[in-house]
Every structure is written in structure tokens, then in C-alpha cells.
Amino acid sequence: MTSNNEKEEALFDTCCSTHSDRKSHHSERVKKNLVTRLNRIEGQIRGIKGLIEKDTYCDDIITQISATQSALNSVAKLLLEGHLKTCIVERIQEGDQEVLDEFLITIQKLMKK
């Protein structure tokens, strides 16, 4: 089992691209972590669908929806943190101040939810 520090270090193995090639380059460990989390979320969604099909009590379904939203927010936070510590820092160091506006827009998108 990996420690939280190892997970954080792995997350920040990302190296974002230049302006013309907008891709993230996550390490295999980071991709595996994110995909595992998303697979779990996908299972939660299927579970919620099943609860609805079985006419489960609404409050129980809402509780599961809340847990799923929290898990998805956790994935977004990990991506955002890695993005800030790598891509954003790199672009600022290259003199690209416009990246701050892009980052603020991204934060606003996340906070709408």
C-alpha cells in the first residue's frame, strides 16, 4: 500500500505541454490511480441506477448520490492540484501570465457545482 506522500509525488509526475500541444502527461501510476477512482465512481452510478429501479427509499438514493459527487470532486481536486503544481507553474515560469486567467476560469467551473 502506498502512502499519501507517495501518491502526491506520483500525481505531480505530470508534465503539461506547451501552448500548441495541450495534453497532460501523467505518469502510469497517476493514470492508474485516477482510472481506479473513476471505475469506482462508475460502479457507484450503476448502483444508484439499480436503487432507483428497485424503488429504494429516496433519502437512501440521495445519500448515495452525495457520496458519488464527493468521490468525483476528489478526482477533480487531485487533477487540479497536479495541474497547479506542474502545468501552471511551468507556464508562469515561461512568462505566460494568461494561464492565471485560464486557471481562475477552471476554478469557477468547479465551484459552480
PDB file of N, CA and C in Angstrom:
ATOM      1  N   MET A   1       0.853  -1.185   0.000  1.00  0.00           N
ATOM      2  CA  MET A   1       0.000   0.000   0.000  1.00  0.00           C
ATOM      3  C   MET A   1       0.888   1.234   0.000  1.00  0.00           C
ATOM      4  N   THR A   2       0.528   2.225  -0.792  1.00  0.00           N
ATOM      5  CA  THR A   2       1.344   3.423  -0.906  1.00  0.00           C
ATOM      6  C   THR A   2       0.872   4.471   0.079  1.00  0.00           C
ATOM      7  N   SER A   3       1.804   5.281   0.562  1.00  0.00           N
ATOM      8  CA  SER A   3       1.467   6.352   1.490  1.00  0.00           C
ATOM      9  C   SER A   3       0.888   7.533   0.723  1.00  0.00           C
ATOM     10  N   ASN A   4       0.299   8.460   1.490  1.00  0.00           N
ATOM     11  CA  ASN A   4      -0.251   9.667   0.859  1.00  0.00           C
ATOM     12  C   ASN A   4       0.844  10.467   0.174  1.00  0.00           C
ATOM     13  N   ASN A   5       2.046  10.538   0.788  1.00  0.00           N
ATOM     14  CA  ASN A   5       3.147  11.279   0.172  1.00  0.00           C
ATOM     15  C   ASN A   5       3.534  10.671  -1.158  1.00  0.00           C
ATOM     16  N   GLU A   6       3.591   9.340  -1.234  1.00  0.00           N
ATOM     17  CA  GLU A   6       3.929   8.680  -2.486  1.00  0.00           C
ATOM     18  C   GLU A   6       2.873   8.968  -3.542  1.00  0.00           C
ATOM     19  N   LYS A   7       1.610   8.976  -3.140  1.00  0.00           N
ATOM     20  CA  LYS A   7       0.528   9.271  -4.075  1.00  0.00           C
ATOM     21  C   LYS A   7       0.655  10.701  -4.591  1.00  0.00           C
ATOM     22  N   GLU A   8       0.959  11.644  -3.675  1.00  0.00           N
ATOM     23  CA  GLU A   8       1.110  13.029  -4.096  1.00  0.00           C
ATOM     24  C   GLU A   8       2.295  13.189  -5.031  1.00  0.00           C
ATOM     25  N   GLU A   9       3.417  12.544  -4.684  1.00  0.00           N
ATOM     26  CA  GLU A   9       4.589  12.631  -5.549  1.00  0.00           C
ATOM     27  C   GLU A   9       4.276  12.059  -6.925  1.00  0.00           C
ATOM     28  N   ALA A  10       3.558  10.955  -6.954  1.00  0.00           N
ATOM     29  CA  ALA A  10       3.211  10.337  -8.237  1.00  0.00           C
ATOM     30  C   ALA A  10       2.303  11.251  -9.037  1.00  0.00           C
ATOM     31  N   LEU A  11       1.390  11.920  -8.351  1.00  0.00           N
ATOM     32  CA  LEU A  11       0.474  12.815  -9.044  1.00  0.00           C
ATOM     33  C   LEU A  11       1.236  13.931  -9.741  1.00  0.00           C
ATOM     34  N   PHE A  12       2.285  14.402  -9.115  1.00  0.00           N
ATOM     35  CA  PHE A  12       2.994  15.549  -9.646  1.00  0.00           C
ATOM     36  C   PHE A  12       4.098  15.144 -10.602  1.00  0.00           C
ATOM     37  N   ASP A  13       4.091  13.892 -11.045  1.00  0.00           N
ATOM     38  CA  ASP A  13       4.985  13.469 -12.103  1.00  0.00           C
ATOM     39  C   ASP A  13       4.462  13.959 -13.445  1.00  0.00           C
ATOM     40  N   THR A  14       3.364  14.684 -13.416  1.00  0.00           N
ATOM     41  CA  THR A  14       2.778  15.164 -14.663  1.00  0.00           C
ATOM     42  C   THR A  14       3.646  16.254 -15.256  1.00  0.00           C
ATOM     43  N   CYS A  15       3.575  16.354 -16.535  1.00  0.00           N
ATOM     44  CA  CYS A  15       4.302  17.419 -17.227  1.00  0.00           C
ATOM     45  C   CYS A  15       3.403  17.909 -18.345  1.00  0.00           C
ATOM     46  N   CYS A  16       2.916  19.078 -18.164  1.00  0.00           N
ATOM     47  CA  CYS A  16       1.992  19.593 -19.173  1.00  0.00           C
ATOM     48  C   CYS A  16       2.743  20.097 -20.379  1.00  0.00           C
ATOM     49  N   SER A  17       2.020  20.193 -21.426  1.00  0.00           N
ATOM     50  CA  SER A  17       2.598  20.503 -22.728  1.00  0.00           C
ATOM     51  C   SER A  17       2.759  21.996 -22.944  1.00  0.00           C
ATOM     52  N   THR A  18       3.308  22.300 -24.073  1.00  0.00           N
ATOM     53  CA  THR A  18       3.415  23.692 -24.487  1.00  0.00           C
ATOM     54  C   THR A  18       2.051  24.180 -24.932  1.00  0.00           C
ATOM     55  N   HIS A  19       1.973  25.430 -25.289  1.00  0.00           N
ATOM     56  CA  HIS A  19       0.690  26.043 -25.651  1.00  0.00           C
ATOM     57  C   HIS A  19       0.028  25.362 -26.854  1.00  0.00           C
ATOM     58  N   SER A  20       0.819  24.899 -27.791  1.00  0.00           N
ATOM     59  CA  SER A  20       0.243  24.349 -29.014  1.00  0.00           C
ATOM     60  C   SER A  20      -0.199  22.891 -28.860  1.00  0.00           C
ATOM     61  N   ASP A  21       0.319  22.206 -27.891  1.00  0.00           N
ATOM     62  CA  ASP A  21       0.006  20.788 -27.688  1.00  0.00           C
ATOM     63  C   ASP A  21      -0.545  20.606 -26.286  1.00  0.00           C
ATOM     64  N   ARG A  22      -1.854  20.764 -26.143  1.00  0.00           N
ATOM     65  CA  ARG A  22      -2.468  20.783 -24.819  1.00  0.00           C
ATOM     66  C   ARG A  22      -2.851  19.392 -24.365  1.00  0.00           C
ATOM     67  N   LYS A  23      -1.888  18.677 -23.841  1.00  0.00           N
ATOM     68  CA  LYS A  23      -2.127  17.354 -23.267  1.00  0.00           C
ATOM     69  C   LYS A  23      -1.421  17.279 -21.933  1.00  0.00           C
ATOM     70  N   SER A  24      -1.982  16.480 -21.052  1.00  0.00           N
ATOM     71  CA  SER A  24      -1.292  16.169 -19.807  1.00  0.00           C
ATOM     72  C   SER A  24      -0.504  14.902 -20.032  1.00  0.00           C
ATOM     73  N   HIS A  25       0.578  14.806 -19.350  1.00  0.00           N
ATOM     74  CA  HIS A  25       1.404  13.614 -19.445  1.00  0.00           C
ATOM     75  C   HIS A  25       1.568  13.053 -18.047  1.00  0.00           C
ATOM     76  N   HIS A  26       0.534  12.341 -17.607  1.00  0.00           N
ATOM     77  CA  HIS A  26       0.552  11.763 -16.262  1.00  0.00           C
ATOM     78  C   HIS A  26       1.398  10.496 -16.270  1.00  0.00           C
ATOM     79  N   SER A  27       2.040  10.255 -15.146  1.00  0.00           N
ATOM     80  CA  SER A  27       2.775   9.004 -15.009  1.00  0.00           C
ATOM     81  C   SER A  27       1.766   7.854 -15.023  1.00  0.00           C
ATOM     82  N   GLU A  28       2.263   6.669 -15.275  1.00  0.00           N
ATOM     83  CA  GLU A  28       1.374   5.496 -15.295  1.00  0.00           C
ATOM     84  C   GLU A  28       0.718   5.292 -13.930  1.00  0.00           C
ATOM     85  N   ARG A  29       1.444   5.593 -12.869  1.00  0.00           N
ATOM     86  CA  ARG A  29       0.893   5.426 -11.520  1.00  0.00           C
ATOM     87  C   ARG A  29      -0.261   6.395 -11.287  1.00  0.00           C
ATOM     88  N   VAL A  30      -0.109   7.625 -11.752  1.00  0.00           N
ATOM     89  CA  VAL A  30      -1.174   8.620 -11.614  1.00  0.00           C
ATOM     90  C   VAL A  30      -2.389   8.197 -12.424  1.00  0.00           C
ATOM     91  N   LYS A  31      -2.167   7.790 -13.671  1.00  0.00           N
ATOM     92  CA  LYS A  31      -3.285   7.333 -14.508  1.00  0.00           C
ATOM     93  C   LYS A  31      -4.017   6.178 -13.850  1.00  0.00           C
ATOM     94  N   LYS A  32      -3.267   5.227 -13.327  1.00  0.00           N
ATOM     95  CA  LYS A  32      -3.881   4.061 -12.682  1.00  0.00           C
ATOM     96  C   LYS A  32      -4.724   4.496 -11.486  1.00  0.00           C
ATOM     97  N   ASN A  33      -4.199   5.417 -10.686  1.00  0.00           N
ATOM     98  CA  ASN A  33      -4.926   5.925  -9.528  1.00  0.00           C
ATOM     99  C   ASN A  33      -6.223   6.603  -9.961  1.00  0.00           C
ATOM    100  N   LEU A  34      -6.147   7.474 -10.951  1.00  0.00           N
ATOM    101  CA  LEU A  34      -7.335   8.191 -11.413  1.00  0.00           C
ATOM    102  C   LEU A  34      -8.354   7.252 -12.046  1.00  0.00           C
ATOM    103  N   VAL A  35      -7.880   6.319 -12.858  1.00  0.00           N
ATOM    104  CA  VAL A  35      -8.790   5.374 -13.508  1.00  0.00           C
ATOM    105  C   VAL A  35      -9.460   4.477 -12.473  1.00  0.00           C
ATOM    106  N   THR A  36      -8.708   4.063 -11.465  1.00  0.00           N
ATOM    107  CA  THR A  36      -9.287   3.239 -10.394  1.00  0.00           C
ATOM    108  C   THR A  36     -10.403   3.998  -9.681  1.00  0.00           C
ATOM    109  N   ARG A  37     -10.140   5.247  -9.366  1.00  0.00           N
ATOM    110  CA  ARG A  37     -11.159   6.072  -8.715  1.00  0.00           C
ATOM    111  C   ARG A  37     -12.392   6.244  -9.610  1.00  0.00           C
ATOM    112  N   LEU A  38     -12.159   6.490 -10.895  1.00  0.00           N
ATOM    113  CA  LEU A  38     -13.277   6.680 -11.822  1.00  0.00           C
ATOM    114  C   LEU A  38     -14.061   5.389 -12.038  1.00  0.00           C
ATOM    115  N   ASN A  39     -13.377   4.251 -12.041  1.00  0.00           N
ATOM    116  CA  ASN A  39     -14.077   2.971 -12.139  1.00  0.00           C
ATOM    117  C   ASN A  39     -14.978   2.756 -10.927  1.00  0.00           C
ATOM    118  N   ARG A  40     -14.486   3.146  -9.749  1.00  0.00           N
ATOM    119  CA  ARG A  40     -15.285   3.030  -8.534  1.00  0.00           C
ATOM    120  C   ARG A  40     -16.513   3.931  -8.632  1.00  0.00           C
ATOM    121  N   ILE A  41     -16.323   5.137  -9.139  1.00  0.00           N
ATOM    122  CA  ILE A  41     -17.434   6.079  -9.310  1.00  0.00           C
ATOM    123  C   ILE A  41     -18.443   5.533 -10.315  1.00  0.00           C
ATOM    124  N   GLU A  42     -17.930   4.944 -11.391  1.00  0.00           N
ATOM    125  CA  GLU A  42     -18.818   4.335 -12.383  1.00  0.00           C
ATOM    126  C   GLU A  42     -19.678   3.249 -11.734  1.00  0.00           C
ATOM    127  N   GLY A  43     -19.069   2.466 -10.860  1.00  0.00           N
ATOM    128  CA  GLY A  43     -19.826   1.439 -10.138  1.00  0.00           C
ATOM    129  C   GLY A  43     -20.870   2.052  -9.223  1.00  0.00           C
ATOM    130  N   GLN A  44     -20.520   3.168  -8.591  1.00  0.00           N
ATOM    131  CA  GLN A  44     -21.485   3.853  -7.731  1.00  0.00           C
ATOM    132  C   GLN A  44     -22.682   4.333  -8.551  1.00  0.00           C
ATOM    133  N   ILE A  45     -22.431   4.845  -9.740  1.00  0.00           N
ATOM    134  CA  ILE A  45     -23.515   5.319 -10.617  1.00  0.00           C
ATOM    135  C   ILE A  45     -24.433   4.157 -10.990  1.00  0.00           C
ATOM    136  N   ARG A  46     -23.832   3.028 -11.351  1.00  0.00           N
ATOM    137  CA  ARG A  46     -24.652   1.842 -11.675  1.00  0.00           C
ATOM    138  C   ARG A  46     -25.471   1.413 -10.458  1.00  0.00           C
ATOM    139  N   GLY A  47     -24.855   1.523  -9.278  1.00  0.00           N
ATOM    140  CA  GLY A  47     -25.574   1.180  -8.051  1.00  0.00           C
ATOM    141  C   GLY A  47     -26.756   2.103  -7.810  1.00  0.00           C
ATOM    142  N   ILE A  48     -26.584   3.376  -8.068  1.00  0.00           N
ATOM    143  CA  ILE A  48     -27.678   4.345  -7.907  1.00  0.00           C
ATOM    144  C   ILE A  48     -28.804   4.018  -8.877  1.00  0.00           C
ATOM    145  N   LYS A  49     -28.441   3.688 -10.108  1.00  0.00           N
ATOM    146  CA  LYS A  49     -29.450   3.307 -11.097  1.00  0.00           C
ATOM    147  C   LYS A  49     -30.235   2.097 -10.599  1.00  0.00           C
ATOM    148  N   GLY A  50     -29.526   1.128 -10.048  1.00  0.00           N
ATOM    149  CA  GLY A  50     -30.186  -0.057  -9.512  1.00  0.00           C
ATOM    150  C   GLY A  50     -31.115   0.271  -8.351  1.00  0.00           C
ATOM    151  N   LEU A  51     -30.698   1.198  -7.495  1.00  0.00           N
ATOM    152  CA  LEU A  51     -31.552   1.605  -6.378  1.00  0.00           C
ATOM    153  C   LEU A  51     -32.847   2.230  -6.882  1.00  0.00           C
ATOM    154  N   ILE A  52     -32.736   3.029  -7.918  1.00  0.00           N
ATOM    155  CA  ILE A  52     -33.935   3.656  -8.492  1.00  0.00           C
ATOM    156  C   ILE A  52     -34.846   2.592  -9.096  1.00  0.00           C
ATOM    157  N   GLU A  53     -34.247   1.658  -9.818  1.00  0.00           N
ATOM    158  CA  GLU A  53     -35.039   0.581 -10.431  1.00  0.00           C
ATOM    159  C   GLU A  53     -35.736  -0.283  -9.373  1.00  0.00           C
ATOM    160  N   LYS A  54     -35.149  -0.380  -8.188  1.00  0.00           N
ATOM    161  CA  LYS A  54     -35.738  -1.195  -7.111  1.00  0.00           C
ATOM    162  C   LYS A  54     -36.654  -0.386  -6.200  1.00  0.00           C
ATOM    163  N   ASP A  55     -36.927   0.859  -6.598  1.00  0.00           N
ATOM    164  CA  ASP A  55     -37.792   1.741  -5.805  1.00  0.00           C
ATOM    165  C   ASP A  55     -37.283   1.919  -4.379  1.00  0.00           C
ATOM    166  N   THR A  56     -35.983   2.053  -4.218  1.00  0.00           N
ATOM    167  CA  THR A  56     -35.379   2.283  -2.910  1.00  0.00           C
ATOM    168  C   THR A  56     -35.817   3.645  -2.384  1.00  0.00           C
ATOM    169  N   TYR A  57     -35.884   3.761  -1.091  1.00  0.00           N
ATOM    170  CA  TYR A  57     -36.290   4.995  -0.430  1.00  0.00           C
ATOM    171  C   TYR A  57     -35.423   6.154  -0.919  1.00  0.00           C
ATOM    172  N   CYS A  58     -36.072   7.256  -1.280  1.00  0.00           N
ATOM    173  CA  CYS A  58     -35.395   8.400  -1.905  1.00  0.00           C
ATOM    174  C   CYS A  58     -34.208   8.911  -1.100  1.00  0.00           C
ATOM    175  N   ASP A  59     -34.348   9.011   0.213  1.00  0.00           N
ATOM    176  CA  ASP A  59     -33.272   9.530   1.043  1.00  0.00           C
ATOM    177  C   ASP A  59     -32.017   8.665   0.928  1.00  0.00           C
ATOM    178  N   ASP A  60     -32.199   7.362   0.820  1.00  0.00           N
ATOM    179  CA  ASP A  60     -31.054   6.460   0.651  1.00  0.00           C
ATOM    180  C   ASP A  60     -30.365   6.687  -0.697  1.00  0.00           C
ATOM    181  N   ILE A  61     -31.156   6.933  -1.714  1.00  0.00           N
ATOM    182  CA  ILE A  61     -30.589   7.209  -3.046  1.00  0.00           C
ATOM    183  C   ILE A  61     -29.827   8.525  -3.022  1.00  0.00           C
ATOM    184  N   ILE A  62     -30.410   9.532  -2.402  1.00  0.00           N
ATOM    185  CA  ILE A  62     -29.760  10.845  -2.324  1.00  0.00           C
ATOM    186  C   ILE A  62     -28.436  10.739  -1.562  1.00  0.00           C
ATOM    187  N   THR A  63     -28.392   9.939  -0.537  1.00  0.00           N
ATOM    188  CA  THR A  63     -27.144   9.718   0.207  1.00  0.00           C
ATOM    189  C   THR A  63     -26.074   9.121  -0.701  1.00  0.00           C
ATOM    190  N   GLN A  64     -26.462   8.171  -1.531  1.00  0.00           N
ATOM    191  CA  GLN A  64     -25.510   7.563  -2.467  1.00  0.00           C
ATOM    192  C   GLN A  64     -25.058   8.555  -3.540  1.00  0.00           C
ATOM    193  N   ILE A  65     -25.975   9.391  -3.990  1.00  0.00           N
ATOM    194  CA  ILE A  65     -25.618  10.432  -4.963  1.00  0.00           C
ATOM    195  C   ILE A  65     -24.602  11.390  -4.343  1.00  0.00           C
ATOM    196  N   SER A  66     -24.822  11.770  -3.106  1.00  0.00           N
ATOM    197  CA  SER A  66     -23.907  12.667  -2.415  1.00  0.00           C
ATOM    198  C   SER A  66     -22.510  12.046  -2.294  1.00  0.00           C
ATOM    199  N   ALA A  67     -22.449  10.770  -1.969  1.00  0.00           N
ATOM    200  CA  ALA A  67     -21.156  10.081  -1.861  1.00  0.00           C
ATOM    201  C   ALA A  67     -20.449  10.035  -3.213  1.00  0.00           C
ATOM    202  N   THR A  68     -21.215   9.836  -4.267  1.00  0.00           N
ATOM    203  CA  THR A  68     -20.649   9.786  -5.613  1.00  0.00           C
ATOM    204  C   THR A  68     -20.125  11.147  -6.034  1.00  0.00           C
ATOM    205  N   GLN A  69     -20.885  12.195  -5.740  1.00  0.00           N
ATOM    206  CA  GLN A  69     -20.421  13.550  -6.046  1.00  0.00           C
ATOM    207  C   GLN A  69     -19.136  13.868  -5.294  1.00  0.00           C
ATOM    208  N   SER A  70     -19.062  13.440  -4.055  1.00  0.00           N
ATOM    209  CA  SER A  70     -17.860  13.667  -3.253  1.00  0.00           C
ATOM    210  C   SER A  70     -16.651  12.946  -3.862  1.00  0.00           C
ATOM    211  N   ALA A  71     -16.849  11.730  -4.315  1.00  0.00           N
ATOM    212  CA  ALA A  71     -15.765  10.965  -4.933  1.00  0.00           C
ATOM    213  C   ALA A  71     -15.309  11.630  -6.225  1.00  0.00           C
ATOM    214  N   LEU A  72     -16.242  12.131  -7.010  1.00  0.00           N
ATOM    215  CA  LEU A  72     -15.894  12.820  -8.254  1.00  0.00           C
ATOM    216  C   LEU A  72     -15.156  14.131  -7.960  1.00  0.00           C
ATOM    217  N   ASN A  73     -15.601  14.835  -6.937  1.00  0.00           N
ATOM    218  CA  ASN A  73     -14.902  16.060  -6.527  1.00  0.00           C
ATOM    219  C   ASN A  73     -13.476  15.755  -6.088  1.00  0.00           C
ATOM    220  N   SER A  74     -13.273  14.617  -5.464  1.00  0.00           N
ATOM    221  CA  SER A  74     -11.942  14.208  -5.028  1.00  0.00           C
ATOM    222  C   SER A  74     -11.014  14.010  -6.230  1.00  0.00           C
ATOM    223  N   VAL A  75     -11.528  13.415  -7.291  1.00  0.00           N
ATOM    224  CA  VAL A  75     -10.748  13.240  -8.520  1.00  0.00           C
ATOM    225  C   VAL A  75     -10.404  14.613  -9.100  1.00  0.00           C
ATOM    226  N   ALA A  76     -11.377  15.499  -9.124  1.00  0.00           N
ATOM    227  CA  ALA A  76     -11.149  16.841  -9.665  1.00  0.00           C
ATOM    228  C   ALA A  76     -10.096  17.581  -8.843  1.00  0.00           C
ATOM    229  N   LYS A  77     -10.134  17.450  -7.535  1.00  0.00           N
ATOM    230  CA  LYS A  77      -9.153  18.118  -6.674  1.00  0.00           C
ATOM    231  C   LYS A  77      -7.752  17.599  -6.945  1.00  0.00           C
ATOM    232  N   LEU A  78      -7.606  16.299  -7.102  1.00  0.00           N
ATOM    233  CA  LEU A  78      -6.291  15.730  -7.401  1.00  0.00           C
ATOM    234  C   LEU A  78      -5.750  16.260  -8.723  1.00  0.00           C
ATOM    235  N   LEU A  79      -6.606  16.283  -9.732  1.00  0.00           N
ATOM    236  CA  LEU A  79      -6.193  16.811 -11.033  1.00  0.00           C
ATOM    237  C   LEU A  79      -5.851  18.295 -10.948  1.00  0.00           C
ATOM    238  N   LEU A  80      -6.656  19.037 -10.242  1.00  0.00           N
ATOM    239  CA  LEU A  80      -6.433  20.471 -10.102  1.00  0.00           C
ATOM    240  C   LEU A  80      -5.110  20.751  -9.376  1.00  0.00           C
ATOM    241  N   GLU A  81      -4.854  20.027  -8.322  1.00  0.00           N
ATOM    242  CA  GLU A  81      -3.616  20.223  -7.566  1.00  0.00           C
ATOM    243  C   GLU A  81      -2.391  19.905  -8.424  1.00  0.00           C
ATOM    244  N   GLY A  82      -2.451  18.793  -9.134  1.00  0.00           N
ATOM    245  CA  GLY A  82      -1.350  18.439 -10.015  1.00  0.00           C
ATOM    246  C   GLY A  82      -1.164  19.458 -11.125  1.00  0.00           C
ATOM    247  N   HIS A  83      -2.265  19.941 -11.663  1.00  0.00           N
ATOM    248  CA  HIS A  83      -2.232  20.938 -12.730  1.00  0.00           C
ATOM    249  C   HIS A  83      -1.570  22.225 -12.235  1.00  0.00           C
ATOM    250  N   LEU A  84      -1.957  22.654 -11.042  1.00  0.00           N
ATOM    251  CA  LEU A  84      -1.403  23.876 -10.475  1.00  0.00           C
ATOM    252  C   LEU A  84       0.090  23.733 -10.212  1.00  0.00           C
ATOM    253  N   LYS A  85       0.493  22.623  -9.635  1.00  0.00           N
ATOM    254  CA  LYS A  85       1.890  22.444  -9.232  1.00  0.00           C
ATOM    255  C   LYS A  85       2.821  22.131 -10.398  1.00  0.00           C
ATOM    256  N   THR A  86       2.254  21.788 -11.537  1.00  0.00           N
ATOM    257  CA  THR A  86       3.121  21.484 -12.682  1.00  0.00           C
ATOM    258  C   THR A  86       2.833  22.426 -13.840  1.00  0.00           C
ATOM    259  N   CYS A  87       1.742  22.230 -14.510  1.00  0.00           N
ATOM    260  CA  CYS A  87       1.423  22.978 -15.730  1.00  0.00           C
ATOM    261  C   CYS A  87       1.397  24.485 -15.499  1.00  0.00           C
ATOM    262  N   ILE A  88       0.681  24.908 -14.483  1.00  0.00           N
ATOM    263  CA  ILE A  88       0.527  26.346 -14.237  1.00  0.00           C
ATOM    264  C   ILE A  88       1.879  26.956 -13.867  1.00  0.00           C
ATOM    265  N   VAL A  89       2.598  26.311 -12.954  1.00  0.00           N
ATOM    266  CA  VAL A  89       3.909  26.819 -12.548  1.00  0.00           C
ATOM    267  C   VAL A  89       4.851  26.902 -13.746  1.00  0.00           C
ATOM    268  N   GLU A  90       4.872  25.856 -14.565  1.00  0.00           N
ATOM    269  CA  GLU A  90       5.745  25.861 -15.749  1.00  0.00           C
ATOM    270  C   GLU A  90       5.423  27.020 -16.679  1.00  0.00           C
ATOM    271  N   ARG A  91       4.134  27.220 -16.925  1.00  0.00           N
ATOM    272  CA  ARG A  91       3.746  28.283 -17.869  1.00  0.00           C
ATOM    273  C   ARG A  91       4.047  29.666 -17.308  1.00  0.00           C
ATOM    274  N   ILE A  92       3.899  29.848 -16.006  1.00  0.00           N
ATOM    275  CA  ILE A  92       4.256  31.132 -15.396  1.00  0.00           C
ATOM    276  C   ILE A  92       5.762  31.348 -15.503  1.00  0.00           C
ATOM    277  N   GLN A  93       6.523  30.302 -15.243  1.00  0.00           N
ATOM    278  CA  GLN A  93       7.982  30.418 -15.350  1.00  0.00           C
ATOM    279  C   GLN A  93       8.416  30.747 -16.776  1.00  0.00           C
ATOM    280  N   GLU A  94       7.600  30.334 -17.741  1.00  0.00           N
ATOM    281  CA  GLU A  94       7.883  30.648 -19.150  1.00  0.00           C
ATOM    282  C   GLU A  94       7.413  32.057 -19.522  1.00  0.00           C
ATOM    283  N   GLY A  95       6.806  32.758 -18.552  1.00  0.00           N
ATOM    284  CA  GLY A  95       6.345  34.122 -18.805  1.00  0.00           C
ATOM    285  C   GLY A  95       4.899  34.231 -19.251  1.00  0.00           C
ATOM    286  N   ASP A  96       4.168  33.143 -19.234  1.00  0.00           N
ATOM    287  CA  ASP A  96       2.769  33.136 -19.683  1.00  0.00           C
ATOM    288  C   ASP A  96       1.865  33.488 -18.506  1.00  0.00           C
ATOM    289  N   GLN A  97       1.507  34.761 -18.392  1.00  0.00           N
ATOM    290  CA  GLN A  97       0.640  35.211 -17.302  1.00  0.00           C
ATOM    291  C   GLN A  97      -0.843  34.929 -17.585  1.00  0.00           C
ATOM    292  N   GLU A  98      -1.191  34.699 -18.863  1.00  0.00           N
ATOM    293  CA  GLU A  98      -2.580  34.410 -19.224  1.00  0.00           C
ATOM    294  C   GLU A  98      -3.069  33.110 -18.604  1.00  0.00           C
ATOM    295  N   VAL A  99      -2.141  32.240 -18.243  1.00  0.00           N
ATOM    296  CA  VAL A  99      -2.519  30.962 -17.657  1.00  0.00           C
ATOM    297  C   VAL A  99      -3.259  31.153 -16.334  1.00  0.00           C
ATOM    298  N   LEU A 100      -3.007  32.268 -15.660  1.00  0.00           N
ATOM    299  CA  LEU A 100      -3.719  32.545 -14.408  1.00  0.00           C
ATOM    300  C   LEU A 100      -5.209  32.745 -14.653  1.00  0.00           C
ATOM    301  N   ASP A 101      -5.553  33.459 -15.724  1.00  0.00           N
ATOM    302  CA  ASP A 101      -6.969  33.643 -16.075  1.00  0.00           C
ATOM    303  C   ASP A 101      -7.609  32.301 -16.408  1.00  0.00           C
ATOM    304  N   GLU A 102      -6.888  31.483 -17.162  1.00  0.00           N
ATOM    305  CA  GLU A 102      -7.378  30.143 -17.506  1.00  0.00           C
ATOM    306  C   GLU A 102      -7.632  29.332 -16.234  1.00  0.00           C
ATOM    307  N   PHE A 103      -6.702  29.410 -15.301  1.00  0.00           N
ATOM    308  CA  PHE A 103      -6.829  28.661 -14.053  1.00  0.00           C
ATOM    309  C   PHE A 103      -8.029  29.150 -13.241  1.00  0.00           C
ATOM    310  N   LEU A 104      -8.222  30.469 -13.180  1.00  0.00           N
ATOM    311  CA  LEU A 104      -9.365  31.016 -12.444  1.00  0.00           C
ATOM    312  C   LEU A 104     -10.691  30.581 -13.063  1.00  0.00           C
ATOM    313  N   ILE A 105     -10.749  30.517 -14.376  1.00  0.00           N
ATOM    314  CA  ILE A 105     -11.958  30.042 -15.054  1.00  0.00           C
ATOM    315  C   ILE A 105     -12.217  28.577 -14.689  1.00  0.00           C
ATOM    316  N   THR A 106     -11.158  27.795 -14.638  1.00  0.00           N
ATOM    317  CA  THR A 106     -11.293  26.386 -14.257  1.00  0.00           C
ATOM    318  C   THR A 106     -11.836  26.259 -12.836  1.00  0.00           C
ATOM    319  N   ILE A 107     -11.321  27.055 -11.935  1.00  0.00           N
ATOM    320  CA  ILE A 107     -11.806  27.053 -10.545  1.00  0.00           C
ATOM    321  C   ILE A 107     -13.285  27.433 -10.502  1.00  0.00           C
ATOM    322  N   GLN A 108     -13.660  28.454 -11.265  1.00  0.00           N
ATOM    323  CA  GLN A 108     -15.061  28.878 -11.306  1.00  0.00           C
ATOM    324  C   GLN A 108     -15.962  27.752 -11.803  1.00  0.00           C
ATOM    325  N   LYS A 109     -15.507  27.014 -12.794  1.00  0.00           N
ATOM    326  CA  LYS A 109     -16.293  25.878 -13.316  1.00  0.00           C
ATOM    327  C   LYS A 109     -16.504  24.839 -12.232  1.00  0.00           C
ATOM    328  N   LEU A 110     -15.469  24.557 -11.478  1.00  0.00           N
ATOM    329  CA  LEU A 110     -15.573  23.553 -10.420  1.00  0.00           C
ATOM    330  C   LEU A 110     -16.487  24.028  -9.291  1.00  0.00           C
ATOM    331  N   MET A 111     -16.465  25.315  -9.007  1.00  0.00           N
ATOM    332  CA  MET A 111     -17.248  25.831  -7.891  1.00  0.00           C
ATOM    333  C   MET A 111     -18.726  25.980  -8.222  1.00  0.00           C
ATOM    334  N   LYS A 112     -19.087  25.944  -9.494  1.00  0.00           N
ATOM    335  CA  LYS A 112     -20.499  26.037  -9.884  1.00  0.00           C
ATOM    336  C   LYS A 112     -21.283  24.847  -9.365  1.00  0.00           C
ATOM    337  N   LYS A 113     -20.600  23.755  -9.185  1.00  0.00           N
ATOM    338  CA  LYS A 113     -21.276  22.508  -8.878  1.00  0.00           C
ATOM    339  C   LYS A 113     -21.618  22.353  -7.458  1.00  0.00           C
TER     340      LYS A 113
END
